[in-house]
Protein backbone atom coordinates (compact mmCIF):
# COMPACT_ATOMS: atom_id res chain seq x y z
CA UNK A 1 66.04 109.55 114.93
CA UNK A 2 68.46 107.72 112.62
CA UNK A 3 67.95 104.08 111.89
CA UNK A 4 69.99 101.56 113.68
CA UNK A 5 73.12 100.40 111.77
CA UNK A 6 72.87 96.87 110.55
CA UNK A 7 75.24 94.24 111.90
CA UNK A 8 76.87 93.95 108.61
CA UNK A 9 77.16 96.60 105.76
CA UNK A 10 77.73 93.85 103.13
CA UNK A 11 74.13 94.23 101.89
CA UNK A 12 73.09 97.03 99.45
CA UNK A 13 71.49 100.00 100.98
CA UNK A 14 68.67 102.03 99.32
CA UNK A 15 68.79 105.77 99.17
CA UNK A 16 65.78 105.94 101.54
CA UNK A 17 67.54 103.70 104.22
CA UNK A 18 70.72 105.86 103.89
CA UNK A 19 68.92 109.12 104.32
CA UNK A 20 67.14 107.71 107.30
CA UNK A 21 70.46 106.66 108.79
CA UNK A 22 72.29 109.81 108.05
CA UNK A 23 72.57 112.23 110.94
CA UNK A 24 73.77 115.87 111.11
CA UNK A 25 77.53 115.97 111.22
CA UNK A 26 77.98 112.48 109.70
CA UNK A 27 79.71 112.59 106.36
CA UNK A 28 79.23 109.66 104.08
CA UNK A 29 78.33 108.71 100.45
CA UNK A 30 76.17 105.98 99.06
CA UNK A 31 77.52 104.66 95.79
CA UNK A 32 75.36 102.08 94.09
CA UNK A 33 74.14 100.84 97.43
CA UNK A 34 77.58 100.77 99.14
CA UNK A 35 78.10 103.19 102.04
CA UNK A 36 81.47 105.02 102.20
CA UNK A 37 82.40 107.07 105.27
CA UNK A 38 84.53 110.30 104.75
CA UNK A 39 87.83 110.53 106.44
CA UNK A 40 88.85 113.73 108.36
CA UNK A 41 90.11 116.23 105.83
CA UNK A 42 93.62 117.70 105.55
CA UNK A 43 94.01 121.32 106.61
CA UNK A 44 94.81 122.22 102.96
CA UNK A 45 91.59 120.63 101.89
CA UNK A 46 89.68 122.64 104.54
CA UNK A 47 91.36 125.99 103.60
CA UNK A 48 90.82 125.61 99.93
CA UNK A 49 87.17 124.62 100.36
CA UNK A 50 86.54 127.47 102.96
CA UNK A 51 87.86 129.96 100.49
CA UNK A 52 85.97 128.88 97.44
CA UNK A 53 82.71 128.48 99.49
CA UNK A 54 82.95 132.07 100.89
CA UNK A 55 83.76 133.44 97.37
CA UNK A 56 81.12 131.55 95.59
CA UNK A 57 78.47 132.15 98.24
CA UNK A 58 79.02 135.86 98.24
CA UNK A 59 78.81 136.14 94.45
CA UNK A 60 75.60 134.04 94.38
CA UNK A 61 74.08 136.02 97.21
CA UNK A 62 74.91 139.36 95.75
CA UNK A 63 73.43 138.48 92.38
CA UNK A 64 70.56 136.43 93.83
CA UNK A 65 71.34 133.37 91.74
CA UNK A 66 70.26 130.68 94.31
CA UNK A 67 72.09 128.93 97.09
CA UNK A 68 75.45 127.36 97.78
CA UNK A 69 75.76 124.49 100.24
CA UNK A 70 78.65 122.43 101.67
CA UNK A 71 78.72 118.84 102.44
CA UNK A 72 75.89 118.96 105.01
CA UNK A 73 73.28 118.75 102.20
CA UNK A 74 72.71 115.21 100.86
CA UNK A 75 71.98 114.88 97.15
CA UNK A 76 69.89 111.81 96.05
CA UNK A 77 70.84 110.89 92.60
CA UNK A 78 69.08 107.56 92.32
CA UNK A 79 67.50 104.79 94.38
CA UNK A 80 70.99 103.55 95.57
CA UNK A 81 73.21 106.64 95.23
CA UNK A 82 73.38 109.65 97.53
CA UNK A 83 76.28 112.05 97.70
CA UNK A 84 77.34 114.83 100.14
CA UNK A 85 79.23 117.09 97.62
CA UNK A 86 82.03 119.30 99.14
CA UNK A 87 80.32 122.28 97.51
CA UNK A 88 77.07 122.42 95.53
CA UNK A 89 75.38 125.37 93.75
CA UNK A 90 71.62 125.29 93.17
CA UNK A 91 69.77 127.71 90.97
CA UNK A 92 66.72 129.63 92.31
CA UNK A 93 64.43 127.12 90.35
CA UNK A 94 66.21 124.20 92.07
CA UNK A 95 66.03 125.91 95.46
CA UNK A 96 62.23 125.84 95.26
CA UNK A 97 62.28 122.01 94.83
CA UNK A 98 64.68 121.20 97.68
CA UNK A 99 63.31 118.74 100.21
CA UNK A 100 63.57 119.46 103.97
CA UNK A 101 66.48 117.11 104.46
CA UNK A 102 67.98 116.39 101.00
CA UNK A 103 68.07 117.46 97.40
CA UNK A 104 66.14 114.93 95.14
CA UNK A 105 68.23 115.92 92.06
CA UNK A 106 71.76 116.85 91.11
CA UNK A 107 73.11 120.38 91.68
CA UNK A 108 73.90 122.66 88.77
CA UNK A 109 77.49 122.96 89.83
CA UNK A 110 79.66 120.70 92.02
CA UNK A 111 83.09 121.08 93.48
CA UNK A 112 84.91 118.14 95.15
CA UNK A 113 88.36 118.55 96.77
CA UNK A 114 90.52 115.54 96.56
CA UNK A 115 91.62 113.63 99.54
CA UNK A 116 95.12 112.08 99.21
CA UNK A 117 93.94 108.78 100.63
CA UNK A 118 91.30 108.15 98.08
CA UNK A 119 91.38 110.40 95.03
CA UNK A 120 89.76 107.86 92.78
CA UNK A 121 86.43 108.29 94.52
CA UNK A 122 85.88 111.71 93.07
CA UNK A 123 87.57 110.98 89.76
CA UNK A 124 86.27 107.57 88.94
CA UNK A 125 83.41 106.57 91.11
CA UNK A 126 81.43 109.96 91.44
CA UNK A 127 82.33 111.41 88.09
CA UNK A 128 80.00 109.28 85.90
CA UNK A 129 77.19 109.60 88.43
CA UNK A 130 77.33 113.34 88.30
CA UNK A 131 77.52 113.14 84.48
CA UNK A 132 74.59 110.83 84.19
CA UNK A 133 72.33 112.88 86.42
CA UNK A 134 72.70 116.19 84.84
CA UNK A 135 75.43 118.18 86.64
CA UNK A 136 76.27 121.07 84.23
CA UNK A 137 79.71 121.70 85.71
CA UNK A 138 82.20 119.68 87.93
CA UNK A 139 85.37 120.96 89.38
CA UNK A 140 87.83 118.57 91.01
CA UNK A 141 90.47 120.41 92.95
CA UNK A 142 93.76 119.00 94.16
CA UNK A 143 94.97 120.90 97.25
CA UNK A 144 98.28 118.98 97.33
CA UNK A 145 99.61 118.82 93.79
CA UNK A 146 97.46 121.64 92.50
CA UNK A 147 96.42 119.51 89.56
CA UNK A 148 92.98 121.04 89.31
CA UNK A 149 90.58 119.73 86.71
CA UNK A 150 87.48 121.55 85.36
CA UNK A 151 84.57 119.85 83.43
CA UNK A 152 81.43 121.28 81.84
CA UNK A 153 78.59 119.82 80.07
CA UNK A 154 78.62 119.49 76.30
CA UNK A 155 75.43 117.62 75.31
CA UNK A 156 75.36 114.48 77.43
CA UNK A 157 78.89 114.56 78.59
CA UNK A 158 81.15 116.37 81.00
CA UNK A 159 84.11 117.57 78.91
CA UNK A 160 87.42 118.92 80.46
CA UNK A 161 88.14 122.49 79.80
CA UNK A 162 90.54 125.25 80.94
CA UNK A 163 93.47 122.89 80.96
CA UNK A 164 95.74 125.81 80.51
CA UNK A 165 95.45 129.49 81.23
CA UNK A 166 94.98 131.53 84.38
CA UNK A 167 91.35 132.37 84.27
CA UNK A 168 88.62 129.67 84.78
CA UNK A 169 85.17 130.92 83.79
CA UNK A 170 82.33 128.99 85.27
CA UNK A 171 79.71 128.17 82.60
CA UNK A 172 76.98 127.27 85.00
CA UNK A 173 77.21 130.26 87.56
CA UNK A 174 76.52 133.57 85.72
CA UNK A 175 79.42 135.95 86.08
CA UNK A 176 81.54 133.73 88.28
CA UNK A 177 85.24 133.00 87.53
CA UNK A 178 88.39 132.33 89.42
CA UNK A 179 92.10 132.62 88.74
CA UNK A 180 94.08 129.44 88.88
CA UNK A 181 96.54 131.14 91.24
CA UNK A 182 93.76 131.67 93.66
CA UNK A 183 93.35 127.92 94.21
CA UNK A 184 96.64 127.30 96.14
CA UNK A 185 95.73 126.63 99.78
CA UNK A 186 99.20 127.74 100.87
CA UNK A 187 98.76 131.17 99.22
CA UNK A 188 95.12 131.98 99.39
CA UNK A 189 94.27 135.64 98.59
CA UNK A 190 91.79 137.64 100.47
CA UNK A 191 88.27 136.83 99.46
CA UNK A 192 87.13 140.49 99.44
CA UNK A 193 89.88 141.36 96.86
CA UNK A 194 88.89 138.47 94.62
CA UNK A 195 85.24 139.35 94.83
CA UNK A 196 85.97 142.93 93.78
CA UNK A 197 87.87 141.66 90.72
CA UNK A 198 84.96 139.38 89.78
CA UNK A 199 82.46 142.14 90.24
CA UNK A 200 84.52 144.67 88.25
CA UNK A 201 84.16 142.47 85.09
CA UNK A 202 80.29 142.15 85.44
């Protein structure tokens, strides 16, 4: 059973307290001890995330590369920071180390879809945490303005790549890539067709 909420949230939470409080279906992040609740998502956000989750999950499952999880899996990055990434890919080696109710380390690949009410959370607050704790690749998708941004690890930093061009090749997921035109929630292609294109180039 989740812990009772304190009267005031002005104190700093620990990761252990946050994970004890977190219940299935509750979407929140803990950033440096400060709890942030998620707002209901826009339909464009949901459509884009649904598309990419199915496409990536099928690719990972077919090639037996690990597991893909949506925002139901908590990721504990430090003693006061826990995220629920929109989409997270864990390698087979990482899957073997997952705890029953959370991941005690950063995923290999993370996708966050921007919310119009608070885009700075993914761009400014979460970015350095993912970078610091070893995420190899971080995609920040914008379902409204389509200003998608892609970052991959070079030494200790996440460096932006694929700023132009149609094909985005994932460095951290073997064989996986997408076309920029696939990432428009108002014109989403069929997942099966996209998967066939990806598979044809393996």
